C-alpha atoms as a PDB file:
ATOM      1  CA  MET A   1     -13.877   0.086 -15.820  1.00  0.00           C
ATOM      2  CA  HIS A   2     -13.959   2.392 -13.088  1.00  0.00           C
ATOM      3  CA  LYS A   3     -12.575   6.483 -12.566  1.00  0.00           C
ATOM      4  CA  PHE A   4      -9.682   4.983 -10.310  1.00  0.00           C
ATOM      5  CA  LYS A   5      -8.862   8.604  -9.316  1.00  0.00           C
ATOM      6  CA  ASP A   6     -12.537   8.940  -7.876  1.00  0.00           C
ATOM      7  CA  LEU A   7     -12.062   5.701  -5.726  1.00  0.00           C
ATOM      8  CA  LYS A   8     -11.422   6.719  -2.032  1.00  0.00           C
ATOM      9  CA  VAL A   9      -8.902   3.650  -1.548  1.00  0.00           C
ATOM     10  CA  TRP A  10      -6.910   4.799  -4.581  1.00  0.00           C
ATOM     11  CA  GLN A  11      -6.596   8.148  -2.852  1.00  0.00           C
ATOM     12  CA  LYS A  12      -6.002   6.668   0.383  1.00  0.00           C
ATOM     13  CA  SER A  13      -3.221   4.407  -1.007  1.00  0.00           C
ATOM     14  CA  VAL A  14      -1.584   7.558  -2.591  1.00  0.00           C
ATOM     15  CA  GLU A  15      -1.628   9.160   0.583  1.00  0.00           C
ATOM     16  CA  LEU A  16       0.251   6.435   2.198  1.00  0.00           C
ATOM     17  CA  ALA A  17       2.898   6.085  -0.298  1.00  0.00           C
ATOM     18  CA  THR A  18       3.596   9.588   0.145  1.00  0.00           C
ATOM     19  CA  ASP A  19       3.705   9.337   3.694  1.00  0.00           C
ATOM     20  CA  ILE A  20       6.048   6.198   3.137  1.00  0.00           C
ATOM     21  CA  TYR A  21       8.233   7.712   0.973  1.00  0.00           C
ATOM     22  CA  ARG A  22       8.427  10.896   3.414  1.00  0.00           C
ATOM     23  CA  LEU A  23       9.294   8.236   6.669  1.00  0.00           C
ATOM     24  CA  THR A  24      12.059   6.162   4.641  1.00  0.00           C
ATOM     25  CA  THR A  25      14.072   9.191   4.032  1.00  0.00           C
ATOM     26  CA  THR A  26      15.156   9.073   7.891  1.00  0.00           C
ATOM     27  CA  PHE A  27      16.519   5.656   7.612  1.00  0.00           C
ATOM     28  CA  PRO A  28      20.117   4.762   7.272  1.00  0.00           C
ATOM     29  CA  SER A  29      21.967   5.440   3.699  1.00  0.00           C
ATOM     30  CA  GLU A  30      22.818   1.859   3.957  1.00  0.00           C
ATOM     31  CA  GLU A  31      19.155   0.804   3.435  1.00  0.00           C
ATOM     32  CA  LYS A  32      19.095   2.995   0.132  1.00  0.00           C
ATOM     33  CA  PHE A  33      18.846  -0.675  -1.751  1.00  0.00           C
ATOM     34  CA  GLY A  34      17.188  -2.495   0.833  1.00  0.00           C
ATOM     35  CA  LEU A  35      14.056  -1.458   2.916  1.00  0.00           C
ATOM     36  CA  ILE A  36      13.830   1.679   1.529  1.00  0.00           C
ATOM     37  CA  SER A  37      13.725   0.559  -2.055  1.00  0.00           C
ATOM     38  CA  GLN A  38      11.458  -2.184  -1.082  1.00  0.00           C
ATOM     39  CA  MET A  39       8.982  -0.199   0.679  1.00  0.00           C
ATOM     40  CA  ARG A  40       8.484   2.319  -1.855  1.00  0.00           C
ATOM     41  CA  ARG A  41       8.030  -0.056  -4.569  1.00  0.00           C
ATOM     42  CA  CYS A  42       5.713  -1.940  -2.543  1.00  0.00           C
ATOM     43  CA  VAL A  43       3.910   1.179  -1.314  1.00  0.00           C
ATOM     44  CA  VAL A  44       3.629   2.408  -5.076  1.00  0.00           C
ATOM     45  CA  SER A  45       2.405  -1.076  -6.221  1.00  0.00           C
ATOM     46  CA  ILE A  46      -0.792  -0.441  -4.058  1.00  0.00           C
ATOM     47  CA  SER A  47      -2.127   2.073  -5.995  1.00  0.00           C
ATOM     48  CA  SER A  48      -0.867   1.349  -9.245  1.00  0.00           C
ATOM     49  CA  ASN A  49      -2.518  -2.013  -9.077  1.00  0.00           C
ATOM     50  CA  ILE A  50      -5.786  -0.283  -8.299  1.00  0.00           C
ATOM     51  CA  ALA A  51      -5.517   1.821 -11.171  1.00  0.00           C
ATOM     52  CA  GLU A  52      -4.234  -0.809 -13.354  1.00  0.00           C
ATOM     53  CA  GLY A  53      -7.463  -3.172 -12.375  1.00  0.00           C
ATOM     54  CA  ALA A  54      -9.932  -0.017 -12.786  1.00  0.00           C
ATOM     55  CA  GLY A  55      -9.125   0.042 -16.235  1.00  0.00           C
ATOM     56  CA  ARG A  56      -9.038  -3.375 -17.116  1.00  0.00           C
ATOM     57  CA  ASP A  57     -12.344  -4.535 -19.058  1.00  0.00           C
ATOM     58  CA  THR A  58     -13.755  -7.305 -17.086  1.00  0.00           C
ATOM     59  CA  LYS A  59     -14.798  -7.482 -13.113  1.00  0.00           C
ATOM     60  CA  LYS A  60     -12.762 -10.397 -12.899  1.00  0.00           C
ATOM     61  CA  ASP A  61      -9.687  -8.714 -13.741  1.00  0.00           C
ATOM     62  CA  PHE A  62     -10.182  -5.714 -11.273  1.00  0.00           C
ATOM     63  CA  SER A  63     -10.962  -8.075  -8.560  1.00  0.00           C
ATOM     64  CA  ASN A  64      -7.459  -9.884  -9.330  1.00  0.00           C
ATOM     65  CA  PHE A  65      -5.702  -6.587  -9.325  1.00  0.00           C
ATOM     66  CA  LEU A  66      -7.604  -5.474  -6.151  1.00  0.00           C
ATOM     67  CA  SER A  67      -5.875  -8.996  -4.637  1.00  0.00           C
ATOM     68  CA  ILE A  68      -2.535  -7.696  -5.842  1.00  0.00           C
ATOM     69  CA  ALA A  69      -3.064  -4.553  -4.014  1.00  0.00           C
ATOM     70  CA  TYR A  70      -4.257  -6.145  -0.553  1.00  0.00           C
ATOM     71  CA  ALA A  71      -1.227  -8.643  -1.060  1.00  0.00           C
ATOM     72  CA  SER A  72       1.190  -5.588  -1.367  1.00  0.00           C
ATOM     73  CA  CYS A  73      -0.261  -4.024   2.188  1.00  0.00           C
ATOM     74  CA  CYS A  74       0.349  -7.460   3.630  1.00  0.00           C
ATOM     75  CA  GLU A  75       4.065  -7.045   2.374  1.00  0.00           C
ATOM     76  CA  LEU A  76       4.463  -3.480   3.518  1.00  0.00           C
ATOM     77  CA  ASN A  77       3.005  -4.285   7.071  1.00  0.00           C
ATOM     78  CA  THR A  78       6.274  -6.970   7.339  1.00  0.00           C
ATOM     79  CA  GLN A  79       8.307  -4.693   6.196  1.00  0.00           C
ATOM     80  CA  LEU A  80       7.550  -1.820   8.792  1.00  0.00           C
ATOM     81  CA  ILE A  81       7.528  -4.662  11.708  1.00  0.00           C
ATOM     82  CA  ILE A  82      11.181  -4.956  10.248  1.00  0.00           C
ATOM     83  CA  SER A  83      12.076  -1.037  10.344  1.00  0.00           C
ATOM     84  CA  TYR A  84      10.436  -0.980  13.652  1.00  0.00           C
ATOM     85  CA  ASN A  85      12.468  -3.872  15.256  1.00  0.00           C
ATOM     86  CA  LEU A  86      15.614  -2.093  13.701  1.00  0.00           C
ATOM     87  CA  ASN A  87      14.805   0.994  15.774  1.00  0.00           C
ATOM     88  CA  TYR A  88      14.238   2.699  12.155  1.00  0.00           C
ATOM     89  CA  ILE A  89      10.925   4.119  13.329  1.00  0.00           C
ATOM     90  CA  ALA A  90       9.081   4.589  16.410  1.00  0.00           C
ATOM     91  CA  GLN A  91       6.457   2.378  17.825  1.00  0.00           C
ATOM     92  CA  ASN A  92       3.754   5.473  17.342  1.00  0.00           C
ATOM     93  CA  GLN A  93       4.705   5.248  13.851  1.00  0.00           C
ATOM     94  CA  LEU A  94       4.371   1.844  13.484  1.00  0.00           C
ATOM     95  CA  LYS A  95       0.939   1.998  15.011  1.00  0.00           C
ATOM     96  CA  GLU A  96      -0.138   5.068  12.811  1.00  0.00           C
ATOM     97  CA  ILE A  97       0.814   3.106   9.481  1.00  0.00           C
ATOM     98  CA  GLU A  98      -0.612  -0.060  10.581  1.00  0.00           C
ATOM     99  CA  SER A  99      -3.885   1.661  10.973  1.00  0.00           C
ATOM    100  CA  CYS A 100      -3.927   3.397   7.578  1.00  0.00           C
ATOM    101  CA  ILE A 101      -3.006   0.155   6.088  1.00  0.00           C
ATOM    102  CA  GLU A 102      -5.845  -2.079   7.703  1.00  0.00           C
ATOM    103  CA  GLU A 103      -7.888   0.975   6.629  1.00  0.00           C
ATOM    104  CA  ILE A 104      -6.915   0.076   2.959  1.00  0.00           C
ATOM    105  CA  GLN A 105      -7.268  -3.561   3.299  1.00  0.00           C
ATOM    106  CA  LYS A 106     -10.840  -2.939   4.706  1.00  0.00           C
ATOM    107  CA  MET A 107     -11.582  -0.755   1.308  1.00  0.00           C
ATOM    108  CA  LEU A 108      -9.710  -2.837  -0.665  1.00  0.00           C
ATOM    109  CA  PHE A 109     -11.803  -6.095   0.339  1.00  0.00           C
ATOM    110  CA  SER A 110     -15.216  -4.101   0.024  1.00  0.00           C
ATOM    111  CA  LEU A 111     -14.487  -3.045  -3.293  1.00  0.00           C
ATOM    112  CA  LYS A 112     -13.789  -6.436  -4.380  1.00  0.00           C
ATOM    113  CA  ASN A 113     -16.539  -7.831  -2.711  1.00  0.00           C
ATOM    114  CA  THR A 114     -19.045  -5.175  -4.752  1.00  0.00           C
ATOM    115  CA  LEU A 115     -17.299  -7.056  -8.480  1.00  0.00           C
ATOM    116  CA  VAL A 116     -18.777 -10.607  -7.426  1.00  0.00           C
END
């Protein structure tokens, strides 16, 4: 079992969640139950799955939860592209968050490889 709060990837994913919550406050109100809700659930899922996996008894379980967190990163990236296409976010915002997502994904992949 790992102390999830000590994991840099968990810390980064919590920062990303905070950023996404702030970003989505600028979205149109009609997106409250659409993109806003979906993006917030998705981004919270990243750090939540890291934490849940860290609390599991086996490396295999932890690895599975890291895979779920990785998939949530992919989902969030898709939602960001849609947000950009709808002009809810600027290109520089998209690129900045995509860079953060890529970093988290690399960290997840590396952590997962240490569990094998």
